[in-house]
Amino acid sequence: MQRVIVVGDLHGCAEETIQLLHKCEVKPEDRVIFVGDLVDRGPDNDKCVDLVMNRELIQGSPACVMGNHEEKMLFYREIEQRRGSVEVQIPNHIATRKQLKPKHYEYFKTLPKFIELPEHNAIVVHAGMYPDRPLAKQTDRHLLHIQSIRPFDKLGYPTFNEKSMWPTKVPKHEEGWKFWTEFWKGPERIIFGHSVLDVPLITDKVAGVDGGCCFGRELWALVLPDWNIVSVKSKTHCDKGRNPVRIHGNVGTF
């Protein structure tokens, strides 16, 4: 069976990405997929996108899903083209825009929101999936941003609440808010990034692969069909840290 190597959020960490692929001993016949968020925070945003684009040319199939940071870059670009200028206030976004070329934006437009791996009964997405909802009914908001949700009330009835909240901003007075992985029952196993974990989250239903490389932590790759994690230490330290999602009995919470 062909090896599939799914790499966590790069965020401009090109040197670590190359080191990780070497450590995985990637061969031409292997399929490498990135979970999105190739850019922002790290130093080499253009190099990361070039690396992924080149990998896609080699293997002839999609090599990356859309991340919320690619989505944001396209948003800036659209506003700029429509109005002639755009005001960007986040310093690392400004740095990214200085590095990106037109070909990178064009590539972002081609990125799918998910990649199905039926031979592994798995789906690669950037952030995650809303429970009890087939892939065709998932929203871009959830595929690219989902974290803590409240799909059921304390009696187990649907709340019809579509909101997704950062774990640190979950309303303290409302019960039932949990990291989305606690609600996902399949049938597919979801491979995702977006949420920085303190340890890889590998269960029979989900696999979380964002090790927070840009925050001075680690870059992870999930290697199928064995579902093993390969990691390298970060050489990058961005100017703003973030608390990782802590894993307790295969459950992610802040």
Protein backbone atom coordinates (compact mmCIF):
# COMPACT_ATOMS: atom_id res chain seq x y z
CA MET A 1 0.00 0.00 0.00
CA GLN A 2 1.24 3.50 -0.85
CA ARG A 3 2.52 5.51 2.08
CA VAL A 4 0.65 8.72 2.81
CA ILE A 5 2.48 11.30 4.90
CA VAL A 6 0.32 14.06 6.40
CA VAL A 7 2.27 17.06 7.68
CA GLY A 8 1.00 19.53 10.28
CA ASP A 9 0.80 23.32 10.05
CA LEU A 10 4.02 24.76 8.58
CA HIS A 11 3.47 28.47 9.30
CA GLY A 12 6.56 29.53 7.40
CA CYS A 13 8.91 26.95 8.95
CA ALA A 14 10.57 25.76 5.74
CA GLU A 15 13.82 24.53 7.29
CA GLU A 16 12.00 22.25 9.71
CA THR A 17 9.74 21.01 6.90
CA ILE A 18 12.70 19.88 4.83
CA GLN A 19 14.26 18.25 7.87
CA LEU A 20 11.01 16.41 8.65
CA LEU A 21 10.60 15.11 5.09
CA HIS A 22 14.18 13.83 5.17
CA LYS A 23 13.49 12.15 8.50
CA CYS A 24 10.42 10.46 6.98
CA GLU A 25 12.67 9.26 4.12
CA VAL A 26 10.12 10.46 1.58
CA LYS A 27 10.31 8.63 -1.75
CA PRO A 28 8.83 9.71 -5.12
CA GLU A 29 6.07 7.11 -4.79
CA ASP A 30 4.94 8.43 -1.39
CA ARG A 31 2.01 10.84 -1.24
CA VAL A 32 2.64 13.88 0.95
CA ILE A 33 -0.31 16.00 2.11
CA PHE A 34 -0.15 19.22 4.14
CA VAL A 35 -3.03 20.26 6.40
CA GLY A 36 -2.93 23.94 5.46
CA ASP A 37 -1.66 27.08 7.21
CA LEU A 38 1.52 27.07 5.18
CA VAL A 39 2.05 30.77 5.93
CA ASP A 40 2.23 33.42 8.70
CA ARG A 41 4.25 33.54 11.93
CA GLY A 42 7.37 31.80 10.62
CA PRO A 43 10.23 33.30 8.54
CA ASP A 44 9.95 31.52 5.16
CA ASN A 45 6.37 31.70 3.95
CA ASP A 46 7.15 31.81 0.23
CA LYS A 47 9.58 28.88 0.54
CA CYS A 48 6.93 26.78 2.29
CA VAL A 49 4.40 27.40 -0.48
CA ASP A 50 6.99 26.69 -3.17
CA LEU A 51 7.90 23.41 -1.46
CA VAL A 52 4.26 22.28 -1.36
CA MET A 53 3.59 23.36 -4.94
CA ASN A 54 6.64 21.41 -6.11
CA ARG A 55 5.49 18.33 -4.21
CA GLU A 56 2.10 18.53 -5.90
CA LEU A 57 3.78 18.67 -9.32
CA ILE A 58 5.82 15.58 -8.46
CA GLN A 59 2.93 13.43 -7.28
CA GLY A 60 0.27 14.76 -9.63
CA SER A 61 -2.47 15.04 -7.01
CA PRO A 62 -3.54 17.65 -4.42
CA ALA A 63 -0.82 18.12 -1.83
CA CYS A 64 -2.56 20.53 0.54
CA VAL A 65 -5.94 21.56 1.91
CA MET A 66 -7.00 25.15 2.48
CA GLY A 67 -6.09 26.57 5.88
CA ASN A 68 -7.61 29.61 7.53
CA HIS A 69 -4.38 31.55 6.94
CA GLU A 70 -4.50 30.89 3.19
CA GLU A 71 -8.14 31.94 3.33
CA LYS A 72 -7.07 35.18 5.06
CA MET A 73 -4.37 35.91 2.48
CA LEU A 74 -6.92 35.49 -0.31
CA PHE A 75 -9.29 37.82 1.55
CA TYR A 76 -6.61 40.53 1.74
CA ARG A 77 -5.81 40.02 -1.93
CA GLU A 78 -9.45 40.30 -2.98
CA ILE A 79 -9.93 43.53 -1.02
CA GLU A 80 -6.73 44.96 -2.45
CA GLN A 81 -7.70 44.16 -6.02
CA ARG A 82 -11.22 45.53 -5.58
CA ARG A 83 -10.35 48.74 -3.72
CA GLY A 84 -6.77 49.33 -4.81
CA SER A 85 -5.37 48.92 -1.30
CA VAL A 86 -5.94 47.00 1.92
CA GLU A 87 -5.13 47.82 5.53
CA VAL A 88 -3.36 44.93 7.26
CA GLN A 89 -2.51 45.44 10.93
CA ILE A 90 -1.15 42.06 12.05
CA PRO A 91 2.67 42.22 11.73
CA ASN A 92 3.23 38.62 10.67
CA HIS A 93 0.51 38.94 8.02
CA ILE A 94 2.27 42.00 6.66
CA ALA A 95 5.54 40.04 6.54
CA THR A 96 3.84 37.17 4.70
CA ARG A 97 2.32 39.50 2.09
CA LYS A 98 5.78 40.92 1.36
CA GLN A 99 7.03 37.41 0.54
CA LEU A 100 4.13 36.04 -1.47
CA LYS A 101 4.07 36.33 -5.25
CA PRO A 102 1.07 36.22 -7.63
CA LYS A 103 1.69 32.52 -8.33
CA HIS A 104 1.23 31.76 -4.62
CA TYR A 105 -2.18 33.45 -4.51
CA GLU A 106 -3.21 31.59 -7.63
CA TYR A 107 -2.18 28.35 -5.97
CA PHE A 108 -4.20 29.16 -2.85
CA LYS A 109 -7.29 29.49 -5.05
CA THR A 110 -6.89 25.87 -6.16
CA LEU A 111 -6.70 24.38 -2.67
CA PRO A 112 -9.52 21.97 -1.77
CA LYS A 113 -11.25 22.19 1.59
CA PHE A 114 -10.68 18.46 2.18
CA ILE A 115 -8.86 15.46 0.73
CA GLU A 116 -10.45 12.03 1.03
CA LEU A 117 -8.31 8.95 1.62
CA PRO A 118 -10.84 6.12 1.16
CA GLU A 119 -8.12 3.46 1.29
CA HIS A 120 -7.53 4.54 4.90
CA ASN A 121 -11.15 5.48 5.68
CA ALA A 122 -9.83 8.97 6.43
CA ILE A 123 -10.35 12.61 5.47
CA VAL A 124 -7.73 15.35 5.70
CA VAL A 125 -9.08 18.78 6.65
CA HIS A 126 -7.52 21.84 8.20
CA ALA A 127 -9.48 22.28 11.43
CA GLY A 128 -12.08 19.52 11.82
CA MET A 129 -15.67 18.45 11.24
CA TYR A 130 -19.05 19.14 12.82
CA PRO A 131 -20.57 15.95 14.31
CA ASP A 132 -23.44 13.96 12.82
CA ARG A 133 -23.00 15.71 9.49
CA PRO A 134 -21.74 14.16 6.23
CA LEU A 135 -18.78 15.68 4.43
CA ALA A 136 -20.98 17.23 1.73
CA LYS A 137 -22.91 19.19 4.40
CA GLN A 138 -19.87 20.55 6.26
CA THR A 139 -19.40 24.33 6.14
CA ASP A 140 -16.18 26.12 5.26
CA ARG A 141 -16.35 27.78 8.67
CA HIS A 142 -16.10 24.42 10.42
CA LEU A 143 -13.63 22.81 8.02
CA LEU A 144 -11.24 25.75 8.41
CA HIS A 145 -11.90 27.05 11.92
CA ILE A 146 -13.71 24.61 14.20
CA GLN A 147 -12.48 24.14 17.77
CA SER A 148 -14.87 24.13 20.73
CA ILE A 149 -18.55 23.56 19.97
CA ARG A 150 -21.84 22.91 21.77
CA PRO A 151 -23.93 20.72 19.43
CA PHE A 152 -25.99 19.12 22.24
CA ASP A 153 -27.57 20.35 25.46
CA LYS A 154 -27.12 18.64 28.83
CA LEU A 155 -29.97 16.26 28.03
CA GLY A 156 -28.39 15.22 24.75
CA TYR A 157 -30.78 17.09 22.48
CA PRO A 158 -29.41 19.04 19.48
CA THR A 159 -28.85 22.72 20.20
CA PHE A 160 -28.62 23.68 16.51
CA ASN A 161 -25.76 25.91 17.65
CA GLU A 162 -23.34 26.36 14.73
CA LYS A 163 -20.84 28.48 16.64
CA SER A 164 -17.22 27.46 17.09
CA MET A 165 -15.26 29.14 19.89
CA TRP A 166 -11.64 29.38 20.86
CA PRO A 167 -11.39 27.16 23.98
CA THR A 168 -10.24 30.13 26.07
CA LYS A 169 -13.35 32.10 25.04
CA VAL A 170 -15.95 29.45 25.77
CA PRO A 171 -18.84 30.90 27.85
CA LYS A 172 -18.27 29.77 31.43
CA HIS A 173 -21.97 29.83 32.26
CA GLU A 174 -22.96 27.41 29.50
CA GLU A 175 -22.44 23.68 29.86
CA GLY A 176 -21.64 21.35 27.00
CA TRP A 177 -18.87 23.27 25.22
CA LYS A 178 -16.14 20.78 24.31
CA PHE A 179 -13.41 20.35 21.73
CA TRP A 180 -15.02 19.04 18.54
CA THR A 181 -13.09 15.75 18.65
CA GLU A 182 -15.15 14.68 21.66
CA PHE A 183 -18.29 14.65 19.52
CA TRP A 184 -16.98 13.13 16.28
CA LYS A 185 -18.08 9.49 15.93
CA GLY A 186 -17.06 8.86 12.31
CA PRO A 187 -17.49 6.88 10.20
CA GLU A 188 -14.31 8.41 8.74
CA ARG A 189 -11.21 9.16 10.76
CA ILE A 190 -10.45 12.90 10.54
CA ILE A 191 -6.84 14.05 10.19
CA PHE A 192 -6.54 17.72 11.16
CA GLY A 193 -4.24 20.56 12.16
CA HIS A 194 -5.17 24.13 13.22
CA SER A 195 -5.25 23.45 17.00
CA VAL A 196 -1.81 23.24 18.60
CA LEU A 197 -1.56 20.08 20.70
CA ASP A 198 0.89 19.26 23.46
CA VAL A 199 1.04 15.63 22.21
CA PRO A 200 -0.28 14.06 19.00
CA LEU A 201 -3.95 13.07 19.29
CA ILE A 202 -4.34 9.68 17.62
CA THR A 203 -7.56 7.73 18.17
CA ASP A 204 -9.72 5.48 16.00
CA LYS A 205 -11.78 8.58 15.08
CA VAL A 206 -9.32 11.50 14.79
CA ALA A 207 -5.65 12.35 14.33
CA GLY A 208 -4.40 15.81 15.32
CA VAL A 209 -1.04 16.76 13.84
CA ASP A 210 -0.31 20.43 14.70
CA GLY A 211 2.70 20.40 17.01
CA GLY A 212 3.09 24.19 17.13
CA CYS A 213 6.37 24.40 15.25
CA CYS A 214 6.14 28.18 14.76
CA PHE A 215 5.79 28.58 18.54
CA GLY A 216 9.12 26.86 19.18
CA ARG A 217 7.59 23.43 19.72
CA GLU A 218 7.60 20.64 17.08
CA LEU A 219 6.60 19.85 13.50
CA TRP A 220 4.78 16.54 13.11
CA ALA A 221 4.07 14.14 10.26
CA LEU A 222 1.53 11.32 10.42
CA VAL A 223 2.63 8.32 8.37
CA LEU A 224 -0.02 5.97 6.97
CA PRO A 225 -0.85 3.10 6.86
CA ASP A 226 0.81 2.62 10.28
CA TRP A 227 -0.53 5.85 11.81
CA ASN A 228 2.86 6.64 13.32
CA ILE A 229 4.09 10.14 14.18
CA VAL A 230 7.48 11.46 13.08
CA SER A 231 8.62 14.75 14.62
CA VAL A 232 11.41 17.33 14.53
CA LYS A 233 12.18 20.11 16.99
CA SER A 234 11.46 23.68 15.99
CA LYS A 235 14.19 26.17 15.18
CA THR A 236 11.63 28.96 14.99
CA HIS A 237 10.22 31.17 17.71
CA CYS A 238 7.53 33.60 16.69
CA ASP A 239 6.83 36.67 18.79
CA LYS A 240 3.53 35.43 20.20
CA GLY A 241 3.00 32.15 21.99
CA ARG A 242 -0.17 30.14 22.39
CA ASN A 243 -1.25 27.60 24.93
CA PRO A 244 -1.47 24.13 23.37
CA VAL A 245 -4.60 22.05 23.57
CA ARG A 246 -3.95 19.68 26.48
CA ILE A 247 -4.82 16.04 25.90
CA HIS A 248 -6.48 14.16 28.76
CA GLY A 249 -7.62 10.63 27.91
CA ASN A 250 -7.71 11.47 24.19
CA VAL A 251 -9.78 14.59 24.79
CA GLY A 252 -8.56 18.06 23.85
CA THR A 253 -9.25 20.98 26.20
CA PHE A 254 -7.45 24.18 27.11
